[in-house]
C-alpha atoms as a PDB file:
ATOM      1  CA  UNK A   1      44.978 259.522 218.272  1.00  0.00           C
ATOM      2  CA  UNK A   2      46.739 259.102 214.931  1.00  0.00           C
ATOM      3  CA  UNK A   3      48.870 262.375 213.075  1.00  0.00           C
ATOM      4  CA  UNK A   4      46.414 261.801 210.557  1.00  0.00           C
ATOM      5  CA  UNK A   5      43.225 261.788 212.598  1.00  0.00           C
ATOM      6  CA  UNK A   6      45.196 264.868 214.141  1.00  0.00           C
ATOM      7  CA  UNK A   7      45.067 266.764 211.078  1.00  0.00           C
ATOM      8  CA  UNK A   8      41.780 265.928 210.101  1.00  0.00           C
ATOM      9  CA  UNK A   9      40.779 267.118 213.262  1.00  0.00           C
ATOM     10  CA  UNK A  10      42.641 270.466 212.810  1.00  0.00           C
ATOM     11  CA  UNK A  11      41.434 270.985 209.733  1.00  0.00           C
ATOM     12  CA  UNK A  12      40.882 272.473 213.408  1.00  0.00           C
ATOM     13  CA  UNK A  13      32.990 275.678 214.054  1.00  0.00           C
ATOM     14  CA  UNK A  14      19.222 282.559 210.901  1.00  0.00           C
ATOM     15  CA  UNK A  15      16.583 284.386 210.674  1.00  0.00           C
ATOM     16  CA  UNK A  16      14.706 283.004 207.658  1.00  0.00           C
ATOM     17  CA  UNK A  17      12.310 285.598 206.664  1.00  0.00           C
ATOM     18  CA  UNK A  18       8.578 283.973 205.973  1.00  0.00           C
ATOM     19  CA  UNK A  19       7.941 283.777 202.113  1.00  0.00           C
ATOM     20  CA  UNK A  20      11.531 284.926 201.078  1.00  0.00           C
ATOM     21  CA  UNK A  21      13.147 283.061 198.436  1.00  0.00           C
ATOM     22  CA  UNK A  22      15.381 280.435 198.781  1.00  0.00           C
ATOM     23  CA  UNK A  23      18.633 282.710 197.166  1.00  0.00           C
ATOM     24  CA  UNK A  24      17.407 285.710 199.737  1.00  0.00           C
ATOM     25  CA  UNK A  25      17.502 283.570 202.960  1.00  0.00           C
ATOM     26  CA  UNK A  26      20.966 281.805 201.925  1.00  0.00           C
ATOM     27  CA  UNK A  27      22.014 285.071 201.612  1.00  0.00           C
ATOM     28  CA  UNK A  28      20.805 286.434 204.531  1.00  0.00           C
ATOM     29  CA  UNK A  29      22.210 283.065 206.462  1.00  0.00           C
ATOM     30  CA  UNK A  30      25.684 283.781 205.275  1.00  0.00           C
ATOM     31  CA  UNK A  31      25.299 287.428 205.853  1.00  0.00           C
ATOM     32  CA  UNK A  32      25.125 286.291 209.613  1.00  0.00           C
ATOM     33  CA  UNK A  33      27.543 284.256 209.913  1.00  0.00           C
ATOM     34  CA  UNK A  34      29.761 286.407 207.816  1.00  0.00           C
ATOM     35  CA  UNK A  35      28.849 289.493 210.453  1.00  0.00           C
ATOM     36  CA  UNK A  36      28.734 287.362 213.187  1.00  0.00           C
ATOM     37  CA  UNK A  37      32.500 285.956 213.051  1.00  0.00           C
ATOM     38  CA  UNK A  38      33.752 289.133 211.466  1.00  0.00           C
ATOM     39  CA  UNK A  39      33.037 290.647 215.123  1.00  0.00           C
ATOM     40  CA  UNK A  40      34.643 287.772 216.933  1.00  0.00           C
ATOM     41  CA  UNK A  41      38.021 288.105 218.624  1.00  0.00           C
ATOM     42  CA  UNK A  42      38.243 284.455 220.802  1.00  0.00           C
ATOM     43  CA  UNK A  43      35.887 282.112 221.495  1.00  0.00           C
ATOM     44  CA  UNK A  44      35.503 279.626 224.505  1.00  0.00           C
ATOM     45  CA  UNK A  45      32.798 276.464 224.218  1.00  0.00           C
ATOM     46  CA  UNK A  46      32.539 272.713 225.553  1.00  0.00           C
ATOM     47  CA  UNK A  47      32.205 270.325 222.730  1.00  0.00           C
ATOM     48  CA  UNK A  48      30.840 266.046 221.998  1.00  0.00           C
ATOM     49  CA  UNK A  49      32.715 264.897 218.762  1.00  0.00           C
ATOM     50  CA  UNK A  50      32.773 261.659 216.679  1.00  0.00           C
ATOM     51  CA  UNK A  51      34.987 260.744 214.713  1.00  0.00           C
ATOM     52  CA  UNK A  52      33.385 258.411 211.881  1.00  0.00           C
ATOM     53  CA  UNK A  53      35.986 255.827 209.676  1.00  0.00           C
ATOM     54  CA  UNK A  54      33.777 254.915 206.771  1.00  0.00           C
ATOM     55  CA  UNK A  55      35.056 252.067 205.353  1.00  0.00           C
ATOM     56  CA  UNK A  56      35.665 250.747 208.906  1.00  0.00           C
ATOM     57  CA  UNK A  57      32.204 251.456 210.242  1.00  0.00           C
ATOM     58  CA  UNK A  58      33.681 252.543 213.383  1.00  0.00           C
ATOM     59  CA  UNK A  59      32.688 255.573 215.625  1.00  0.00           C
ATOM     60  CA  UNK A  60      34.872 257.364 218.210  1.00  0.00           C
ATOM     61  CA  UNK A  61      33.583 259.717 220.340  1.00  0.00           C
ATOM     62  CA  UNK A  62      35.773 262.407 222.434  1.00  0.00           C
ATOM     63  CA  UNK A  63      34.353 265.121 224.509  1.00  0.00           C
ATOM     64  CA  UNK A  64      36.257 268.431 225.902  1.00  0.00           C
ATOM     65  CA  UNK A  65      36.696 272.127 226.119  1.00  0.00           C
ATOM     66  CA  UNK A  66      37.641 274.653 222.586  1.00  0.00           C
ATOM     67  CA  UNK A  67      39.298 278.169 223.563  1.00  0.00           C
ATOM     68  CA  UNK A  68      40.062 279.801 219.863  1.00  0.00           C
ATOM     69  CA  UNK A  69      41.367 283.327 219.310  1.00  0.00           C
ATOM     70  CA  UNK A  70      41.780 285.476 216.515  1.00  0.00           C
ATOM     71  CA  UNK A  71      45.716 284.525 214.717  1.00  0.00           C
ATOM     72  CA  UNK A  72      45.664 281.069 214.888  1.00  0.00           C
ATOM     73  CA  UNK A  73      45.647 279.986 218.620  1.00  0.00           C
ATOM     74  CA  UNK A  74      43.565 277.567 219.748  1.00  0.00           C
ATOM     75  CA  UNK A  75      43.378 275.236 222.853  1.00  0.00           C
ATOM     76  CA  UNK A  76      41.407 271.491 221.975  1.00  0.00           C
ATOM     77  CA  UNK A  77      41.505 270.365 225.726  1.00  0.00           C
ATOM     78  CA  UNK A  78      40.195 266.469 225.328  1.00  0.00           C
ATOM     79  CA  UNK A  79      38.688 264.924 228.850  1.00  0.00           C
ATOM     80  CA  UNK A  80      37.642 262.050 227.460  1.00  0.00           C
ATOM     81  CA  UNK A  81      38.076 258.739 225.659  1.00  0.00           C
ATOM     82  CA  UNK A  82      41.911 259.945 227.043  1.00  0.00           C
ATOM     83  CA  UNK A  83      43.576 263.359 228.679  1.00  0.00           C
ATOM     84  CA  UNK A  84      45.139 265.138 225.066  1.00  0.00           C
ATOM     85  CA  UNK A  85      46.154 269.042 224.606  1.00  0.00           C
ATOM     86  CA  UNK A  86      45.863 270.472 220.932  1.00  0.00           C
ATOM     87  CA  UNK A  87      47.662 273.776 221.190  1.00  0.00           C
ATOM     88  CA  UNK A  88      48.637 276.270 218.806  1.00  0.00           C
ATOM     89  CA  UNK A  89      49.814 279.983 219.957  1.00  0.00           C
ATOM     90  CA  UNK A  90      49.753 281.346 216.025  1.00  0.00           C
ATOM     91  CA  UNK A  91      53.296 279.736 214.845  1.00  0.00           C
ATOM     92  CA  UNK A  92      53.480 276.602 216.216  1.00  0.00           C
ATOM     93  CA  UNK A  93      51.150 273.910 217.067  1.00  0.00           C
ATOM     94  CA  UNK A  94      51.594 271.274 219.580  1.00  0.00           C
ATOM     95  CA  UNK A  95      49.442 267.925 220.770  1.00  0.00           C
ATOM     96  CA  UNK A  96      50.372 266.583 223.761  1.00  0.00           C
ATOM     97  CA  UNK A  97      48.882 262.831 224.758  1.00  0.00           C
ATOM     98  CA  UNK A  98      50.251 262.382 227.817  1.00  0.00           C
ATOM     99  CA  UNK A  99      49.258 258.285 228.031  1.00  0.00           C
ATOM    100  CA  UNK A 100      52.043 258.079 225.301  1.00  0.00           C
ATOM    101  CA  UNK A 101      54.041 260.734 227.274  1.00  0.00           C
ATOM    102  CA  UNK A 102      54.666 262.540 223.636  1.00  0.00           C
ATOM    103  CA  UNK A 103      55.070 265.609 222.060  1.00  0.00           C
ATOM    104  CA  UNK A 104      53.801 265.832 218.380  1.00  0.00           C
ATOM    105  CA  UNK A 105      55.366 269.815 217.419  1.00  0.00           C
ATOM    106  CA  UNK A 106      54.579 271.273 213.898  1.00  0.00           C
ATOM    107  CA  UNK A 107      54.497 274.717 212.042  1.00  0.00           C
ATOM    108  CA  UNK A 108      51.057 276.059 213.151  1.00  0.00           C
ATOM    109  CA  UNK A 109      50.275 278.229 209.518  1.00  0.00           C
ATOM    110  CA  UNK A 110      51.274 274.749 207.584  1.00  0.00           C
ATOM    111  CA  UNK A 111      48.975 272.685 209.954  1.00  0.00           C
ATOM    112  CA  UNK A 112      46.431 275.013 210.186  1.00  0.00           C
ATOM    113  CA  UNK A 113      46.002 275.824 206.321  1.00  0.00           C
ATOM    114  CA  UNK A 114      42.537 276.827 205.212  1.00  0.00           C
ATOM    115  CA  UNK A 115      39.331 278.135 206.397  1.00  0.00           C
ATOM    116  CA  UNK A 116      38.908 275.084 208.116  1.00  0.00           C
ATOM    117  CA  UNK A 117      42.103 275.687 210.520  1.00  0.00           C
ATOM    118  CA  UNK A 118      41.265 278.803 211.238  1.00  0.00           C
ATOM    119  CA  UNK A 119      37.240 278.284 212.351  1.00  0.00           C
ATOM    120  CA  UNK A 120      36.960 281.916 213.414  1.00  0.00           C
ATOM    121  CA  UNK A 121      38.858 283.648 210.534  1.00  0.00           C
ATOM    122  CA  UNK A 122      37.719 280.972 207.888  1.00  0.00           C
ATOM    123  CA  UNK A 123      33.601 281.856 209.031  1.00  0.00           C
ATOM    124  CA  UNK A 124      34.302 285.448 208.497  1.00  0.00           C
ATOM    125  CA  UNK A 125      34.776 285.335 204.431  1.00  0.00           C
ATOM    126  CA  UNK A 126      32.386 281.727 203.810  1.00  0.00           C
ATOM    127  CA  UNK A 127      31.625 283.111 200.379  1.00  0.00           C
ATOM    128  CA  UNK A 128      35.692 283.950 199.516  1.00  0.00           C
ATOM    129  CA  UNK A 129      36.694 280.705 200.992  1.00  0.00           C
ATOM    130  CA  UNK A 130      33.380 278.176 200.048  1.00  0.00           C
ATOM    131  CA  UNK A 131      30.978 277.772 197.844  1.00  0.00           C
ATOM    132  CA  UNK A 132      28.084 277.421 200.384  1.00  0.00           C
ATOM    133  CA  UNK A 133      23.564 276.070 199.694  1.00  0.00           C
ATOM    134  CA  UNK A 134      21.367 274.460 202.198  1.00  0.00           C
ATOM    135  CA  UNK A 135      22.201 271.179 202.685  1.00  0.00           C
ATOM    136  CA  UNK A 136      18.726 270.276 201.565  1.00  0.00           C
ATOM    137  CA  UNK A 137      17.288 273.503 199.856  1.00  0.00           C
ATOM    138  CA  UNK A 138      13.545 272.677 200.202  1.00  0.00           C
ATOM    139  CA  UNK A 139      13.703 272.182 203.905  1.00  0.00           C
ATOM    140  CA  UNK A 140      16.434 274.599 204.713  1.00  0.00           C
ATOM    141  CA  UNK A 141      15.982 274.451 208.401  1.00  0.00           C
ATOM    142  CA  UNK A 142      17.020 271.028 210.609  1.00  0.00           C
ATOM    143  CA  UNK A 143      13.919 269.882 212.978  1.00  0.00           C
ATOM    144  CA  UNK A 144      15.192 271.981 215.701  1.00  0.00           C
ATOM    145  CA  UNK A 145      14.320 275.758 213.822  1.00  0.00           C
ATOM    146  CA  UNK A 146      18.702 275.696 212.513  1.00  0.00           C
ATOM    147  CA  UNK A 147      19.589 276.749 209.431  1.00  0.00           C
ATOM    148  CA  UNK A 148      21.905 274.178 207.917  1.00  0.00           C
ATOM    149  CA  UNK A 149      24.215 275.055 205.481  1.00  0.00           C
ATOM    150  CA  UNK A 150      26.354 273.027 202.747  1.00  0.00           C
ATOM    151  CA  UNK A 151      29.987 274.605 202.023  1.00  0.00           C
ATOM    152  CA  UNK A 152      32.884 272.964 199.429  1.00  0.00           C
ATOM    153  CA  UNK A 153      35.914 274.313 199.903  1.00  0.00           C
ATOM    154  CA  UNK A 154      37.321 275.896 196.633  1.00  0.00           C
ATOM    155  CA  UNK A 155      40.685 275.305 197.199  1.00  0.00           C
ATOM    156  CA  UNK A 156      39.814 271.346 199.215  1.00  0.00           C
ATOM    157  CA  UNK A 157      42.851 269.575 200.572  1.00  0.00           C
ATOM    158  CA  UNK A 158      42.535 265.459 200.838  1.00  0.00           C
ATOM    159  CA  UNK A 159      41.525 266.517 204.400  1.00  0.00           C
ATOM    160  CA  UNK A 160      38.396 268.661 203.426  1.00  0.00           C
ATOM    161  CA  UNK A 161      35.840 268.093 201.040  1.00  0.00           C
ATOM    162  CA  UNK A 162      33.325 268.968 202.617  1.00  0.00           C
ATOM    163  CA  UNK A 163      31.882 271.029 205.541  1.00  0.00           C
ATOM    164  CA  UNK A 164      28.497 271.515 206.756  1.00  0.00           C
ATOM    165  CA  UNK A 165      27.440 273.460 209.490  1.00  0.00           C
ATOM    166  CA  UNK A 166      24.310 273.456 211.114  1.00  0.00           C
ATOM    167  CA  UNK A 167      23.571 278.063 212.893  1.00  0.00           C
ATOM    168  CA  UNK A 168      21.659 278.847 215.644  1.00  0.00           C
ATOM    169  CA  UNK A 169      18.657 280.945 214.372  1.00  0.00           C
ATOM    170  CA  UNK A 170      19.532 283.873 217.401  1.00  0.00           C
ATOM    171  CA  UNK A 171      22.876 284.617 216.843  1.00  0.00           C
ATOM    172  CA  UNK A 172      24.129 282.949 214.145  1.00  0.00           C
ATOM    173  CA  UNK A 173      26.900 281.062 215.798  1.00  0.00           C
ATOM    174  CA  UNK A 174      27.758 277.486 214.842  1.00  0.00           C
ATOM    175  CA  UNK A 175      26.278 274.737 217.146  1.00  0.00           C
ATOM    176  CA  UNK A 176      27.568 271.517 214.874  1.00  0.00           C
ATOM    177  CA  UNK A 177      30.096 271.467 212.036  1.00  0.00           C
ATOM    178  CA  UNK A 178      30.480 268.129 210.306  1.00  0.00           C
ATOM    179  CA  UNK A 179      34.370 268.083 208.442  1.00  0.00           C
ATOM    180  CA  UNK A 180      34.625 265.374 204.974  1.00  0.00           C
ATOM    181  CA  UNK A 181      38.369 263.950 204.012  1.00  0.00           C
ATOM    182  CA  UNK A 182      38.489 262.924 200.882  1.00  0.00           C
ATOM    183  CA  UNK A 183      37.433 259.368 201.707  1.00  0.00           C
ATOM    184  CA  UNK A 184      33.960 260.429 203.440  1.00  0.00           C
ATOM    185  CA  UNK A 185      35.207 259.773 207.083  1.00  0.00           C
ATOM    186  CA  UNK A 186      33.481 262.681 209.140  1.00  0.00           C
ATOM    187  CA  UNK A 187      34.255 264.841 212.357  1.00  0.00           C
ATOM    188  CA  UNK A 188      31.304 265.463 213.518  1.00  0.00           C
ATOM    189  CA  UNK A 189      31.442 268.333 216.166  1.00  0.00           C
ATOM    190  CA  UNK A 190      28.401 269.892 218.479  1.00  0.00           C
ATOM    191  CA  UNK A 191      29.471 272.851 220.111  1.00  0.00           C
ATOM    192  CA  UNK A 192      27.892 273.967 223.830  1.00  0.00           C
ATOM    193  CA  UNK A 193      27.868 276.318 226.402  1.00  0.00           C
ATOM    194  CA  UNK A 194      29.307 278.494 223.562  1.00  0.00           C
ATOM    195  CA  UNK A 195      31.106 282.042 224.794  1.00  0.00           C
ATOM    196  CA  UNK A 196      31.556 284.603 222.340  1.00  0.00           C
ATOM    197  CA  UNK A 197      34.420 287.192 223.180  1.00  0.00           C
ATOM    198  CA  UNK A 198      35.308 286.169 227.086  1.00  0.00           C
ATOM    199  CA  UNK A 199      38.379 287.726 226.258  1.00  0.00           C
ATOM    200  CA  UNK A 200      40.771 284.845 226.567  1.00  0.00           C
ATOM    201  CA  UNK A 201      44.387 286.030 227.499  1.00  0.00           C
ATOM    202  CA  UNK A 202      47.504 284.252 225.588  1.00  0.00           C
ATOM    203  CA  UNK A 203      48.798 282.543 228.051  1.00  0.00           C
ATOM    204  CA  UNK A 204      45.865 280.102 227.773  1.00  0.00           C
ATOM    205  CA  UNK A 205      47.606 279.610 224.049  1.00  0.00           C
ATOM    206  CA  UNK A 206      50.993 278.730 225.310  1.00  0.00           C
ATOM    207  CA  UNK A 207      52.401 275.339 225.863  1.00  0.00           C
ATOM    208  CA  UNK A 208      55.917 274.031 227.073  1.00  0.00           C
ATOM    209  CA  UNK A 209      56.194 270.188 227.154  1.00  0.00           C
ATOM    210  CA  UNK A 210      56.614 268.069 230.530  1.00  0.00           C
ATOM    211  CA  UNK A 211      60.887 267.663 230.970  1.00  0.00           C
ATOM    212  CA  UNK A 212      60.696 263.886 230.211  1.00  0.00           C
ATOM    213  CA  UNK A 213      58.212 264.121 227.616  1.00  0.00           C
ATOM    214  CA  UNK A 214      59.533 262.741 224.228  1.00  0.00           C
ATOM    215  CA  UNK A 215      58.756 265.631 220.960  1.00  0.00           C
ATOM    216  CA  UNK A 216      58.735 264.361 217.351  1.00  0.00           C
ATOM    217  CA  UNK A 217      57.889 266.616 214.556  1.00  0.00           C
ATOM    218  CA  UNK A 218      53.566 266.387 213.690  1.00  0.00           C
ATOM    219  CA  UNK A 219      53.714 264.419 210.083  1.00  0.00           C
ATOM    220  CA  UNK A 220      53.535 267.329 208.023  1.00  0.00           C
ATOM    221  CA  UNK A 221      51.908 265.261 205.417  1.00  0.00           C
END
């Protein structure tokens, strides 16, 4: 995975009252998401990812397990198409690619700047970070009955210009996230087996590079 793809990834995850006006429905969904993520300290989930390069018409699929904890802590364990680990302890960010025997190291606050980088805290203040609407105001839910939010960052970056979230109507937890960059490339992530507040240890977010691995700076651009 390229440094740009890594940064794109890092940028970094409802109950509609019958007869309610669209604005009321949106306010209810946003309030539910903010309340839910405001109370989440940590989270574990399995994920399936599809990264689409629009200009090439190419899709790259991946899957694995993600661990998130407030304070900028995260651990993405990729199982396929090739093993890879992305780990942050809130201070340093490490990207370990075993097949290259290489570790990219960067500054976590800088690399994870913005609401998408800090998924838990960012979703706890949607209105502050984004302009929010339904993806389809005339039909706010998808085919499975889940509300779909279309978010525009108030401070967009080249790597995050739009974020579409599909929310579980029972617990307001995000089940799918689609991130768009300035070229309309997308990263779609579907989350399953989500465990909220499982009590993850900080040791899970510590990383020590293998002794024989090359350690190089993560491209800051």
